[in-house]
Amino acid sequence: MAKRRTSGEPSSKQGVLISLGICIPLIIGLGVATYFGFAGKGEAETRAKAAGDDKAKADKARAEAERKAAYLKAVTDLPLEKNDQN
């Protein structure tokens, strides 16, 4: 007849079960954290591109306004500032 195990003896699979009990939640947690970490990356890149485009438009508009102001000052014989003379 088979020998009965007493409650004090550890099972031969106990180490495997403890390892799995620790590793599986850690793996799932890392997967979820990684997903949420990279989930906003596309949106951030889109916003960065839009901000760069807006900056380029603003720089172009500023340069155009400076050229117009320099032209109007030259036409009306107003003294040009040092940085307006090109």
PDB file of N, CA and C in Angstrom:
ATOM      1  N   MET A   1       0.831  -1.167   0.000  1.00  0.00           N
ATOM      2  CA  MET A   1       0.000   0.000   0.000  1.00  0.00           C
ATOM      3  C   MET A   1       0.885   1.243   0.000  1.00  0.00           C
ATOM      4  N   ALA A   2       0.426   2.325  -0.606  1.00  0.00           N
ATOM      5  CA  ALA A   2       1.211   3.555  -0.731  1.00  0.00           C
ATOM      6  C   ALA A   2       1.327   4.241   0.612  1.00  0.00           C
ATOM      7  N   LYS A   3       2.464   4.851   0.776  1.00  0.00           N
ATOM      8  CA  LYS A   3       2.742   5.547   2.012  1.00  0.00           C
ATOM      9  C   LYS A   3       2.001   6.886   2.001  1.00  0.00           C
ATOM     10  N   ARG A   4       1.309   7.167   3.074  1.00  0.00           N
ATOM     11  CA  ARG A   4       0.569   8.433   3.175  1.00  0.00           C
ATOM     12  C   ARG A   4       1.515   9.541   3.603  1.00  0.00           C
ATOM     13  N   ARG A   5       1.321  10.645   3.008  1.00  0.00           N
ATOM     14  CA  ARG A   5       2.161  11.798   3.313  1.00  0.00           C
ATOM     15  C   ARG A   5       1.572  12.529   4.509  1.00  0.00           C
ATOM     16  N   THR A   6       2.414  12.928   5.419  1.00  0.00           N
ATOM     17  CA  THR A   6       1.924  13.703   6.553  1.00  0.00           C
ATOM     18  C   THR A   6       1.883  15.167   6.148  1.00  0.00           C
ATOM     19  N   SER A   7       1.174  15.963   6.894  1.00  0.00           N
ATOM     20  CA  SER A   7       0.997  17.367   6.526  1.00  0.00           C
ATOM     21  C   SER A   7       2.288  18.164   6.644  1.00  0.00           C
ATOM     22  N   GLY A   8       3.279  17.707   7.366  1.00  0.00           N
ATOM     23  CA  GLY A   8       4.523  18.430   7.537  1.00  0.00           C
ATOM     24  C   GLY A   8       5.488  18.262   6.385  1.00  0.00           C
ATOM     25  N   GLU A   9       5.337  17.251   5.551  1.00  0.00           N
ATOM     26  CA  GLU A   9       6.263  17.014   4.444  1.00  0.00           C
ATOM     27  C   GLU A   9       5.926  17.905   3.259  1.00  0.00           C
ATOM     28  N   PRO A  10       6.907  18.587   2.708  1.00  0.00           N
ATOM     29  CA  PRO A  10       6.629  19.404   1.514  1.00  0.00           C
ATOM     30  C   PRO A  10       6.479  18.513   0.284  1.00  0.00           C
ATOM     31  N   SER A  11       5.624  18.941  -0.622  1.00  0.00           N
ATOM     32  CA  SER A  11       5.421  18.224  -1.864  1.00  0.00           C
ATOM     33  C   SER A  11       6.632  18.443  -2.767  1.00  0.00           C
ATOM     34  N   SER A  12       6.861  17.535  -3.675  1.00  0.00           N
ATOM     35  CA  SER A  12       7.977  17.699  -4.603  1.00  0.00           C
ATOM     36  C   SER A  12       7.686  18.806  -5.608  1.00  0.00           C
ATOM     37  N   LYS A  13       6.458  19.212  -5.756  1.00  0.00           N
ATOM     38  CA  LYS A  13       6.075  20.263  -6.705  1.00  0.00           C
ATOM     39  C   LYS A  13       5.914  21.619  -6.023  1.00  0.00           C
ATOM     40  N   GLN A  14       6.163  21.680  -4.740  1.00  0.00           N
ATOM     41  CA  GLN A  14       5.910  22.911  -4.005  1.00  0.00           C
ATOM     42  C   GLN A  14       6.783  24.065  -4.500  1.00  0.00           C
ATOM     43  N   GLY A  15       8.035  23.833  -4.799  1.00  0.00           N
ATOM     44  CA  GLY A  15       8.919  24.886  -5.299  1.00  0.00           C
ATOM     45  C   GLY A  15       8.463  25.424  -6.644  1.00  0.00           C
ATOM     46  N   VAL A  16       8.010  24.515  -7.497  1.00  0.00           N
ATOM     47  CA  VAL A  16       7.514  24.931  -8.812  1.00  0.00           C
ATOM     48  C   VAL A  16       6.259  25.776  -8.659  1.00  0.00           C
ATOM     49  N   LEU A  17       5.372  25.358  -7.777  1.00  0.00           N
ATOM     50  CA  LEU A  17       4.125  26.098  -7.581  1.00  0.00           C
ATOM     51  C   LEU A  17       4.390  27.485  -6.984  1.00  0.00           C
ATOM     52  N   ILE A  18       5.324  27.580  -6.061  1.00  0.00           N
ATOM     53  CA  ILE A  18       5.651  28.882  -5.486  1.00  0.00           C
ATOM     54  C   ILE A  18       6.283  29.778  -6.555  1.00  0.00           C
ATOM     55  N   SER A  19       7.176  29.225  -7.353  1.00  0.00           N
ATOM     56  CA  SER A  19       7.816  30.004  -8.424  1.00  0.00           C
ATOM     57  C   SER A  19       6.787  30.508  -9.425  1.00  0.00           C
ATOM     58  N   LEU A  20       5.866  29.644  -9.818  1.00  0.00           N
ATOM     59  CA  LEU A  20       4.823  30.065 -10.748  1.00  0.00           C
ATOM     60  C   LEU A  20       3.910  31.101 -10.116  1.00  0.00           C
ATOM     61  N   GLY A  21       3.611  30.928  -8.833  1.00  0.00           N
ATOM     62  CA  GLY A  21       2.749  31.891  -8.134  1.00  0.00           C
ATOM     63  C   GLY A  21       3.371  33.268  -8.057  1.00  0.00           C
ATOM     64  N   ILE A  22       4.676  33.346  -8.061  1.00  0.00           N
ATOM     65  CA  ILE A  22       5.358  34.644  -8.026  1.00  0.00           C
ATOM     66  C   ILE A  22       5.589  35.181  -9.435  1.00  0.00           C
ATOM     67  N   CYS A  23       6.021  34.324 -10.356  1.00  0.00           N
ATOM     68  CA  CYS A  23       6.398  34.781 -11.694  1.00  0.00           C
ATOM     69  C   CYS A  23       5.211  35.211 -12.553  1.00  0.00           C
ATOM     70  N   ILE A  24       4.123  34.482 -12.505  1.00  0.00           N
ATOM     71  CA  ILE A  24       2.977  34.803 -13.377  1.00  0.00           C
ATOM     72  C   ILE A  24       2.426  36.196 -13.080  1.00  0.00           C
ATOM     73  N   PRO A  25       2.145  36.571 -11.817  1.00  0.00           N
ATOM     74  CA  PRO A  25       1.676  37.950 -11.592  1.00  0.00           C
ATOM     75  C   PRO A  25       2.713  39.008 -11.984  1.00  0.00           C
ATOM     76  N   LEU A  26       3.995  38.709 -11.766  1.00  0.00           N
ATOM     77  CA  LEU A  26       5.023  39.672 -12.175  1.00  0.00           C
ATOM     78  C   LEU A  26       5.050  39.861 -13.686  1.00  0.00           C
ATOM     79  N   ILE A  27       4.939  38.789 -14.426  1.00  0.00           N
ATOM     80  CA  ILE A  27       4.946  38.878 -15.887  1.00  0.00           C
ATOM     81  C   ILE A  27       3.730  39.643 -16.389  1.00  0.00           C
ATOM     82  N   ILE A  28       2.575  39.362 -15.818  1.00  0.00           N
ATOM     83  CA  ILE A  28       1.353  40.067 -16.225  1.00  0.00           C
ATOM     84  C   ILE A  28       1.463  41.547 -15.869  1.00  0.00           C
ATOM     85  N   GLY A  29       1.990  41.843 -14.672  1.00  0.00           N
ATOM     86  CA  GLY A  29       2.158  43.237 -14.266  1.00  0.00           C
ATOM     87  C   GLY A  29       3.114  43.992 -15.173  1.00  0.00           C
ATOM     88  N   LEU A  30       4.217  43.356 -15.538  1.00  0.00           N
ATOM     89  CA  LEU A  30       5.162  43.994 -16.456  1.00  0.00           C
ATOM     90  C   LEU A  30       4.538  44.230 -17.832  1.00  0.00           C
ATOM     91  N   GLY A  31       3.754  43.285 -18.293  1.00  0.00           N
ATOM     92  CA  GLY A  31       3.091  43.446 -19.588  1.00  0.00           C
ATOM     93  C   GLY A  31       2.118  44.610 -19.577  1.00  0.00           C
ATOM     94  N   VAL A  32       1.328  44.717 -18.519  1.00  0.00           N
ATOM     95  CA  VAL A  32       0.358  45.816 -18.416  1.00  0.00           C
ATOM     96  C   VAL A  32       1.090  47.154 -18.295  1.00  0.00           C
ATOM     97  N   ALA A  33       2.137  47.197 -17.481  1.00  0.00           N
ATOM     98  CA  ALA A  33       2.889  48.441 -17.319  1.00  0.00           C
ATOM     99  C   ALA A  33       3.542  48.872 -18.634  1.00  0.00           C
ATOM    100  N   THR A  34       4.076  47.923 -19.376  1.00  0.00           N
ATOM    101  CA  THR A  34       4.695  48.235 -20.659  1.00  0.00           C
ATOM    102  C   THR A  34       3.657  48.748 -21.656  1.00  0.00           C
ATOM    103  N   TYR A  35       2.495  48.109 -21.678  1.00  0.00           N
ATOM    104  CA  TYR A  35       1.436  48.547 -22.591  1.00  0.00           C
ATOM    105  C   TYR A  35       1.038  49.983 -22.298  1.00  0.00           C
ATOM    106  N   PHE A  36       0.774  50.286 -21.027  1.00  0.00           N
ATOM    107  CA  PHE A  36       0.355  51.640 -20.696  1.00  0.00           C
ATOM    108  C   PHE A  36       1.504  52.636 -20.846  1.00  0.00           C
ATOM    109  N   GLY A  37       2.717  52.179 -20.719  1.00  0.00           N
ATOM    110  CA  GLY A  37       3.852  53.065 -20.921  1.00  0.00           C
ATOM    111  C   GLY A  37       4.007  53.501 -22.362  1.00  0.00           C
ATOM    112  N   PHE A  38       3.729  52.608 -23.296  1.00  0.00           N
ATOM    113  CA  PHE A  38       3.877  52.929 -24.713  1.00  0.00           C
ATOM    114  C   PHE A  38       2.564  53.315 -25.377  1.00  0.00           C
ATOM    115  N   ALA A  39       1.446  53.261 -24.664  1.00  0.00           N
ATOM    116  CA  ALA A  39       0.149  53.560 -25.269  1.00  0.00           C
ATOM    117  C   ALA A  39       0.052  55.015 -25.718  1.00  0.00           C
ATOM    118  N   GLY A  40       0.629  55.941 -24.970  1.00  0.00           N
ATOM    119  CA  GLY A  40       0.528  57.358 -25.303  1.00  0.00           C
ATOM    120  C   GLY A  40       1.616  57.850 -26.228  1.00  0.00           C
ATOM    121  N   LYS A  41       2.495  56.968 -26.673  1.00  0.00           N
ATOM    122  CA  LYS A  41       3.625  57.394 -27.500  1.00  0.00           C
ATOM    123  C   LYS A  41       3.163  57.964 -28.842  1.00  0.00           C
ATOM    124  N   GLY A  42       2.233  57.318 -29.491  1.00  0.00           N
ATOM    125  CA  GLY A  42       1.741  57.802 -30.788  1.00  0.00           C
ATOM    126  C   GLY A  42       1.084  59.159 -30.670  1.00  0.00           C
ATOM    127  N   GLU A  43       0.303  59.329 -29.614  1.00  0.00           N
ATOM    128  CA  GLU A  43      -0.370  60.608 -29.402  1.00  0.00           C
ATOM    129  C   GLU A  43       0.652  61.708 -29.113  1.00  0.00           C
ATOM    130  N   ALA A  44       1.677  61.388 -28.353  1.00  0.00           N
ATOM    131  CA  ALA A  44       2.714  62.381 -28.039  1.00  0.00           C
ATOM    132  C   ALA A  44       3.478  62.773 -29.301  1.00  0.00           C
ATOM    133  N   GLU A  45       3.768  61.810 -30.163  1.00  0.00           N
ATOM    134  CA  GLU A  45       4.460  62.132 -31.411  1.00  0.00           C
ATOM    135  C   GLU A  45       3.595  63.014 -32.304  1.00  0.00           C
ATOM    136  N   THR A  46       2.293  62.747 -32.338  1.00  0.00           N
ATOM    137  CA  THR A  46       1.374  63.562 -33.130  1.00  0.00           C
ATOM    138  C   THR A  46       1.342  64.996 -32.608  1.00  0.00           C
ATOM    139  N   ARG A  47       1.280  65.137 -31.275  1.00  0.00           N
ATOM    140  CA  ARG A  47       1.258  66.481 -30.689  1.00  0.00           C
ATOM    141  C   ARG A  47       2.567  67.213 -30.944  1.00  0.00           C
ATOM    142  N   ALA A  48       3.679  66.508 -30.872  1.00  0.00           N
ATOM    143  CA  ALA A  48       4.974  67.137 -31.116  1.00  0.00           C
ATOM    144  C   ALA A  48       5.079  67.617 -32.557  1.00  0.00           C
ATOM    145  N   LYS A  49       4.582  66.817 -33.493  1.00  0.00           N
ATOM    146  CA  LYS A  49       4.612  67.215 -34.902  1.00  0.00           C
ATOM    147  C   LYS A  49       3.721  68.436 -35.129  1.00  0.00           C
ATOM    148  N   ALA A  50       2.526  68.442 -34.520  1.00  0.00           N
ATOM    149  CA  ALA A  50       1.622  69.579 -34.658  1.00  0.00           C
ATOM    150  C   ALA A  50       2.235  70.841 -34.054  1.00  0.00           C
ATOM    151  N   ALA A  51       2.916  70.703 -32.919  1.00  0.00           N
ATOM    152  CA  ALA A  51       3.558  71.859 -32.298  1.00  0.00           C
ATOM    153  C   ALA A  51       4.694  72.388 -33.178  1.00  0.00           C
ATOM    154  N   GLY A  52       5.436  71.487 -33.797  1.00  0.00           N
ATOM    155  CA  GLY A  52       6.500  71.912 -34.708  1.00  0.00           C
ATOM    156  C   GLY A  52       5.944  72.640 -35.919  1.00  0.00           C
ATOM    157  N   ASP A  53       4.831  72.133 -36.455  1.00  0.00           N
ATOM    158  CA  ASP A  53       4.194  72.799 -37.596  1.00  0.00           C
ATOM    159  C   ASP A  53       3.685  74.189 -37.213  1.00  0.00           C
ATOM    160  N   ASP A  54       3.070  74.286 -36.014  1.00  0.00           N
ATOM    161  CA  ASP A  54       2.572  75.581 -35.556  1.00  0.00           C
ATOM    162  C   ASP A  54       3.714  76.568 -35.352  1.00  0.00           C
ATOM    163  N   LYS A  55       4.831  76.091 -34.834  1.00  0.00           N
ATOM    164  CA  LYS A  55       5.992  76.957 -34.630  1.00  0.00           C
ATOM    165  C   LYS A  55       6.524  77.460 -35.970  1.00  0.00           C
ATOM    166  N   ALA A  56       6.570  76.572 -36.956  1.00  0.00           N
ATOM    167  CA  ALA A  56       7.050  76.974 -38.278  1.00  0.00           C
ATOM    168  C   ALA A  56       6.138  78.033 -38.894  1.00  0.00           C
ATOM    169  N   LYS A  57       4.825  77.846 -38.746  1.00  0.00           N
ATOM    170  CA  LYS A  57       3.877  78.830 -39.272  1.00  0.00           C
ATOM    171  C   LYS A  57       4.032  80.172 -38.562  1.00  0.00           C
ATOM    172  N   ALA A  58       4.211  80.130 -37.240  1.00  0.00           N
ATOM    173  CA  ALA A  58       4.358  81.374 -36.476  1.00  0.00           C
ATOM    174  C   ALA A  58       5.653  82.085 -36.858  1.00  0.00           C
ATOM    175  N   ASP A  59       6.732  81.331 -37.038  1.00  0.00           N
ATOM    176  CA  ASP A  59       8.006  81.938 -37.450  1.00  0.00           C
ATOM    177  C   ASP A  59       7.886  82.579 -38.826  1.00  0.00           C
ATOM    178  N   LYS A  60       7.186  81.909 -39.725  1.00  0.00           N
ATOM    179  CA  LYS A  60       7.002  82.452 -41.068  1.00  0.00           C
ATOM    180  C   LYS A  60       6.163  83.730 -41.025  1.00  0.00           C
ATOM    181  N   ALA A  61       5.094  83.720 -40.216  1.00  0.00           N
ATOM    182  CA  ALA A  61       4.247  84.906 -40.104  1.00  0.00           C
ATOM    183  C   ALA A  61       5.013  86.063 -39.465  1.00  0.00           C
ATOM    184  N   ARG A  62       5.851  85.766 -38.454  1.00  0.00           N
ATOM    185  CA  ARG A  62       6.644  86.801 -37.812  1.00  0.00           C
ATOM    186  C   ARG A  62       7.639  87.414 -38.793  1.00  0.00           C
ATOM    187  N   ALA A  63       8.287  86.572 -39.564  1.00  0.00           N
ATOM    188  CA  ALA A  63       9.259  87.070 -40.541  1.00  0.00           C
ATOM    189  C   ALA A  63       8.572  87.949 -41.588  1.00  0.00           C
ATOM    190  N   GLU A  64       7.410  87.530 -42.018  1.00  0.00           N
ATOM    191  CA  GLU A  64       6.657  88.314 -43.004  1.00  0.00           C
ATOM    192  C   GLU A  64       6.247  89.661 -42.418  1.00  0.00           C
ATOM    193  N   ALA A  65       5.802  89.671 -41.153  1.00  0.00           N
ATOM    194  CA  ALA A  65       5.409  90.925 -40.506  1.00  0.00           C
ATOM    195  C   ALA A  65       6.611  91.840 -40.335  1.00  0.00           C
ATOM    196  N   GLU A  66       7.761  91.269 -40.011  1.00  0.00           N
ATOM    197  CA  GLU A  66       8.972  92.091 -39.884  1.00  0.00           C
ATOM    198  C   GLU A  66       9.366  92.688 -41.231  1.00  0.00           C
ATOM    199  N   ARG A  67       9.235  91.913 -42.303  1.00  0.00           N
ATOM    200  CA  ARG A  67       9.553  92.450 -43.629  1.00  0.00           C
ATOM    201  C   ARG A  67       8.598  93.584 -44.004  1.00  0.00           C
ATOM    202  N   LYS A  68       7.327  93.403 -43.719  1.00  0.00           N
ATOM    203  CA  LYS A  68       6.350  94.448 -44.029  1.00  0.00           C
ATOM    204  C   LYS A  68       6.624  95.705 -43.213  1.00  0.00           C
ATOM    205  N   ALA A  69       6.956  95.536 -41.935  1.00  0.00           N
ATOM    206  CA  ALA A  69       7.241  96.696 -41.087  1.00  0.00           C
ATOM    207  C   ALA A  69       8.483  97.420 -41.580  1.00  0.00           C
ATOM    208  N   ALA A  70       9.510  96.671 -41.971  1.00  0.00           N
ATOM    209  CA  ALA A  70      10.724  97.301 -42.493  1.00  0.00           C
ATOM    210  C   ALA A  70      10.431  98.034 -43.792  1.00  0.00           C
ATOM    211  N   TYR A  71       9.601  97.459 -44.642  1.00  0.00           N
ATOM    212  CA  TYR A  71       9.231  98.109 -45.905  1.00  0.00           C
ATOM    213  C   TYR A  71       8.466  99.408 -45.641  1.00  0.00           C
ATOM    214  N   LEU A  72       7.489  99.339 -44.718  1.00  0.00           N
ATOM    215  CA  LEU A  72       6.702 100.532 -44.422  1.00  0.00           C
ATOM    216  C   LEU A  72       7.570 101.620 -43.804  1.00  0.00           C
ATOM    217  N   LYS A  73       8.518 101.253 -42.968  1.00  0.00           N
ATOM    218  CA  LYS A  73       9.419 102.252 -42.385  1.00  0.00           C
ATOM    219  C   LYS A  73      10.297 102.877 -43.464  1.00  0.00           C
ATOM    220  N   ALA A  74      10.731 102.068 -44.402  1.00  0.00           N
ATOM    221  CA  ALA A  74      11.574 102.594 -45.487  1.00  0.00           C
ATOM    222  C   ALA A  74      10.782 103.513 -46.395  1.00  0.00           C
ATOM    223  N   VAL A  75       9.543 103.157 -46.692  1.00  0.00           N
ATOM    224  CA  VAL A  75       8.715 103.967 -47.584  1.00  0.00           C
ATOM    225  C   VAL A  75       8.337 105.284 -46.933  1.00  0.00           C
ATOM    226  N   THR A  76       8.068 105.276 -45.638  1.00  0.00           N
ATOM    227  CA  THR A  76       7.639 106.495 -44.949  1.00  0.00           C
ATOM    228  C   THR A  76       8.809 107.301 -44.409  1.00  0.00           C
ATOM    229  N   ASP A  77      10.037 106.942 -44.736  1.00  0.00           N
ATOM    230  CA  ASP A  77      11.255 107.619 -44.314  1.00  0.00           C
ATOM    231  C   ASP A  77      11.424 107.668 -42.801  1.00  0.00           C
ATOM    232  N   LEU A  78      10.891 106.678 -42.124  1.00  0.00           N
ATOM    233  CA  LEU A  78      11.140 106.555 -40.684  1.00  0.00           C
ATOM    234  C   LEU A  78      12.499 105.897 -40.506  1.00  0.00           C
ATOM    235  N   PRO A  79      13.211 106.267 -39.451  1.00  0.00           N
ATOM    236  CA  PRO A  79      14.531 105.646 -39.258  1.00  0.00           C
ATOM    237  C   PRO A  79      14.385 104.151 -38.944  1.00  0.00           C
ATOM    238  N   LEU A  80      15.205 103.376 -39.624  1.00  0.00           N
ATOM    239  CA  LEU A  80      15.197 101.939 -39.385  1.00  0.00           C
ATOM    240  C   LEU A  80      15.996 101.615 -38.157  1.00  0.00           C
ATOM    241  N   GLU A  81      15.529 100.614 -37.440  1.00  0.00           N
ATOM    242  CA  GLU A  81      16.316 100.147 -36.287  1.00  0.00           C
ATOM    243  C   GLU A  81      17.496  99.344 -36.794  1.00  0.00           C
ATOM    244  N   LYS A  82      18.448  99.114 -35.904  1.00  0.00           N
ATOM    245  CA  LYS A  82      19.657  98.407 -36.314  1.00  0.00           C
ATOM    246  C   LYS A  82      19.360  97.017 -36.858  1.00  0.00           C
ATOM    247  N   ASN A  83      18.453  96.262 -36.192  1.00  0.00           N
ATOM    248  CA  ASN A  83      18.171  94.903 -36.622  1.00  0.00           C
ATOM    249  C   ASN A  83      17.217  94.848 -37.814  1.00  0.00           C
ATOM    250  N   ASP A  84      16.632  95.978 -38.219  1.00  0.00           N
ATOM    251  CA  ASP A  84      15.774  95.984 -39.395  1.00  0.00           C
ATOM    252  C   ASP A  84      16.557  96.191 -40.681  1.00  0.00           C
ATOM    253  N   GLN A  85      17.770  96.717 -40.589  1.00  0.00           N
ATOM    254  CA  GLN A  85      18.576  96.995 -41.779  1.00  0.00           C
ATOM    255  C   GLN A  85      19.280  95.739 -42.225  1.00  0.00           C
ATOM    256  N   ASN A  86      18.951  95.290 -43.410  1.00  0.00           N
ATOM    257  CA  ASN A  86      19.579  94.079 -43.968  1.00  0.00           C
ATOM    258  C   ASN A  86      20.249  94.387 -45.271  1.00  0.00           C
TER     259      ASN A  86
END
